[in-house]
Amino acid sequence: MRHQSTPRKSGARGRAVARRLLSNVDIVQSVLDATIYDEQISDAVVTFKAGRKFTLNGLVVAKGEHFTMVKSRFAHRYYVTAHGEWSTNDPKIVAKCHRALAQAA
């Protein structure tokens, strides 16, 4: 029997290999502009209260306003939504984020 060099992604070892392979991926600038990087969060959907005003790719979140971060497919990167607007303008990404929000609810 021949040994598989890249294990299936369904097991723990496969997830570790997938993370390692994705860690070296070059991310397109539009994704960098539309996402927040945070190593400390591990949940798919997280809601926060803004400690200060910030702008992310045209989305303005005021101090004290609640916003939600939805995990992207890239490690430690999150799309942001507040008051019905998103940090990305890509309709496919917004649809995926809506599905993630629905699953988390």
C-alpha atoms as a PDB file:
ATOM      1  CA  MET A   1       0.000   0.000   0.000  1.00  0.00           C
ATOM      2  CA  ARG A   2       1.287   3.407  -0.942  1.00  0.00           C
ATOM      3  CA  HIS A   3       1.538   6.132   1.719  1.00  0.00           C
ATOM      4  CA  GLN A   4      -0.401   9.303   1.021  1.00  0.00           C
ATOM      5  CA  SER A   5       1.901  12.340   1.263  1.00  0.00           C
ATOM      6  CA  THR A   6      -0.908  14.810   1.921  1.00  0.00           C
ATOM      7  CA  PRO A   7      -3.468  13.343   4.301  1.00  0.00           C
ATOM      8  CA  ARG A   8      -7.180  13.903   3.949  1.00  0.00           C
ATOM      9  CA  LYS A   9      -8.458  17.091   5.509  1.00  0.00           C
ATOM     10  CA  SER A  10     -11.023  15.306   7.648  1.00  0.00           C
ATOM     11  CA  GLY A  11      -8.627  14.167  10.371  1.00  0.00           C
ATOM     12  CA  ALA A  12      -6.609  16.118  12.928  1.00  0.00           C
ATOM     13  CA  ARG A  13      -3.404  15.477  11.030  1.00  0.00           C
ATOM     14  CA  GLY A  14      -5.061  16.651   7.820  1.00  0.00           C
ATOM     15  CA  ARG A  15      -6.201  19.891   9.444  1.00  0.00           C
ATOM     16  CA  ALA A  16      -2.664  20.544  10.659  1.00  0.00           C
ATOM     17  CA  VAL A  17      -1.274  19.988   7.164  1.00  0.00           C
ATOM     18  CA  ALA A  18      -3.944  22.233   5.633  1.00  0.00           C
ATOM     19  CA  ARG A  19      -3.148  25.026   8.110  1.00  0.00           C
ATOM     20  CA  ARG A  20       0.554  24.729   7.356  1.00  0.00           C
ATOM     21  CA  LEU A  21      -0.064  24.832   3.602  1.00  0.00           C
ATOM     22  CA  LEU A  22      -2.393  27.842   3.867  1.00  0.00           C
ATOM     23  CA  SER A  23      -0.005  29.767   6.118  1.00  0.00           C
ATOM     24  CA  ASN A  24       2.348  30.353   3.170  1.00  0.00           C
ATOM     25  CA  VAL A  25      -0.357  31.548   0.752  1.00  0.00           C
ATOM     26  CA  ASP A  26      -0.007  35.060  -0.626  1.00  0.00           C
ATOM     27  CA  ILE A  27      -3.175  36.983   0.153  1.00  0.00           C
ATOM     28  CA  VAL A  28      -4.593  39.398  -2.417  1.00  0.00           C
ATOM     29  CA  GLN A  29      -4.476  43.064  -1.383  1.00  0.00           C
ATOM     30  CA  SER A  30      -8.273  43.417  -1.526  1.00  0.00           C
ATOM     31  CA  VAL A  31      -8.594  40.694   1.140  1.00  0.00           C
ATOM     32  CA  LEU A  32      -5.945  42.384   3.290  1.00  0.00           C
ATOM     33  CA  ASP A  33      -7.856  45.669   2.998  1.00  0.00           C
ATOM     34  CA  ALA A  34     -11.225  44.097   3.896  1.00  0.00           C
ATOM     35  CA  THR A  35     -10.164  41.936   6.858  1.00  0.00           C
ATOM     36  CA  ILE A  36      -8.814  42.287  10.373  1.00  0.00           C
ATOM     37  CA  TYR A  37      -5.951  40.072  11.549  1.00  0.00           C
ATOM     38  CA  ASP A  38      -6.302  38.597  15.044  1.00  0.00           C
ATOM     39  CA  GLU A  39      -4.420  35.532  16.320  1.00  0.00           C
ATOM     40  CA  GLN A  40      -6.274  35.360  19.644  1.00  0.00           C
ATOM     41  CA  ILE A  41      -9.746  34.597  18.260  1.00  0.00           C
ATOM     42  CA  SER A  42     -10.644  31.036  17.331  1.00  0.00           C
ATOM     43  CA  ASP A  43     -14.438  31.292  16.907  1.00  0.00           C
ATOM     44  CA  ALA A  44     -16.063  31.591  13.477  1.00  0.00           C
ATOM     45  CA  VAL A  45     -18.299  34.503  14.516  1.00  0.00           C
ATOM     46  CA  VAL A  46     -17.509  37.005  17.285  1.00  0.00           C
ATOM     47  CA  THR A  47     -19.281  40.204  18.379  1.00  0.00           C
ATOM     48  CA  PHE A  48     -17.417  43.085  20.002  1.00  0.00           C
ATOM     49  CA  LYS A  49     -18.008  46.651  21.154  1.00  0.00           C
ATOM     50  CA  ALA A  50     -15.615  49.117  19.520  1.00  0.00           C
ATOM     51  CA  GLY A  51     -13.219  50.710  21.990  1.00  0.00           C
ATOM     52  CA  ARG A  52     -12.403  53.423  19.477  1.00  0.00           C
ATOM     53  CA  LYS A  53     -13.570  54.568  16.066  1.00  0.00           C
ATOM     54  CA  PHE A  54     -12.055  52.683  13.134  1.00  0.00           C
ATOM     55  CA  THR A  55     -12.456  52.426   9.386  1.00  0.00           C
ATOM     56  CA  LEU A  56     -11.975  49.225   7.413  1.00  0.00           C
ATOM     57  CA  ASN A  57     -12.254  49.357   3.626  1.00  0.00           C
ATOM     58  CA  GLY A  58     -14.910  52.081   3.746  1.00  0.00           C
ATOM     59  CA  LEU A  59     -16.853  50.608   6.677  1.00  0.00           C
ATOM     60  CA  VAL A  60     -16.842  53.067   9.580  1.00  0.00           C
ATOM     61  CA  VAL A  61     -17.423  51.717  13.084  1.00  0.00           C
ATOM     62  CA  ALA A  62     -17.914  54.390  15.751  1.00  0.00           C
ATOM     63  CA  LYS A  63     -16.647  54.143  19.315  1.00  0.00           C
ATOM     64  CA  GLY A  64     -19.087  52.154  21.448  1.00  0.00           C
ATOM     65  CA  GLU A  65     -20.833  50.596  18.453  1.00  0.00           C
ATOM     66  CA  HIS A  66     -21.233  46.810  18.287  1.00  0.00           C
ATOM     67  CA  PHE A  67     -19.691  45.017  15.324  1.00  0.00           C
ATOM     68  CA  THR A  68     -19.357  41.378  14.301  1.00  0.00           C
ATOM     69  CA  MET A  69     -16.283  39.635  12.938  1.00  0.00           C
ATOM     70  CA  VAL A  70     -16.747  36.610  10.660  1.00  0.00           C
ATOM     71  CA  LYS A  71     -13.837  34.282   9.978  1.00  0.00           C
ATOM     72  CA  SER A  72     -12.472  34.273   6.431  1.00  0.00           C
ATOM     73  CA  ARG A  73     -10.852  31.274   4.765  1.00  0.00           C
ATOM     74  CA  PHE A  74      -7.418  32.711   5.568  1.00  0.00           C
ATOM     75  CA  ALA A  75      -5.866  31.967   8.943  1.00  0.00           C
ATOM     76  CA  HIS A  76      -6.618  34.582  11.623  1.00  0.00           C
ATOM     77  CA  ARG A  77      -8.400  36.959   9.174  1.00  0.00           C
ATOM     78  CA  TYR A  78     -11.935  38.233   9.805  1.00  0.00           C
ATOM     79  CA  TYR A  79     -14.471  40.224   7.780  1.00  0.00           C
ATOM     80  CA  VAL A  80     -16.343  42.890   9.735  1.00  0.00           C
ATOM     81  CA  THR A  81     -20.018  43.832   9.664  1.00  0.00           C
ATOM     82  CA  ALA A  82     -21.735  46.684  11.458  1.00  0.00           C
ATOM     83  CA  HIS A  83     -25.147  48.314  11.006  1.00  0.00           C
ATOM     84  CA  GLY A  84     -25.901  46.142   7.953  1.00  0.00           C
ATOM     85  CA  GLU A  85     -22.742  47.004   6.031  1.00  0.00           C
ATOM     86  CA  TRP A  86     -19.703  44.817   5.350  1.00  0.00           C
ATOM     87  CA  SER A  87     -15.988  45.464   5.090  1.00  0.00           C
ATOM     88  CA  THR A  88     -16.027  43.719   1.696  1.00  0.00           C
ATOM     89  CA  ASN A  89     -18.006  44.522  -1.426  1.00  0.00           C
ATOM     90  CA  ASP A  90     -17.743  41.024  -2.926  1.00  0.00           C
ATOM     91  CA  PRO A  91     -21.278  39.548  -3.013  1.00  0.00           C
ATOM     92  CA  LYS A  92     -19.988  35.956  -2.819  1.00  0.00           C
ATOM     93  CA  ILE A  93     -18.016  36.710   0.346  1.00  0.00           C
ATOM     94  CA  VAL A  94     -20.976  38.560   1.868  1.00  0.00           C
ATOM     95  CA  ALA A  95     -23.219  35.552   1.124  1.00  0.00           C
ATOM     96  CA  LYS A  96     -20.721  33.195   2.816  1.00  0.00           C
ATOM     97  CA  CYS A  97     -20.565  35.513   5.817  1.00  0.00           C
ATOM     98  CA  HIS A  98     -24.386  35.579   6.036  1.00  0.00           C
ATOM     99  CA  ARG A  99     -24.395  31.762   6.059  1.00  0.00           C
ATOM    100  CA  ALA A 100     -21.782  31.739   8.831  1.00  0.00           C
ATOM    101  CA  LEU A 101     -23.879  34.195  10.860  1.00  0.00           C
ATOM    102  CA  ALA A 102     -26.978  32.030  10.361  1.00  0.00           C
ATOM    103  CA  GLN A 103     -25.117  28.905  11.497  1.00  0.00           C
ATOM    104  CA  ALA A 104     -23.778  30.681  14.581  1.00  0.00           C
ATOM    105  CA  ALA A 105     -27.237  31.892  15.619  1.00  0.00           C
END
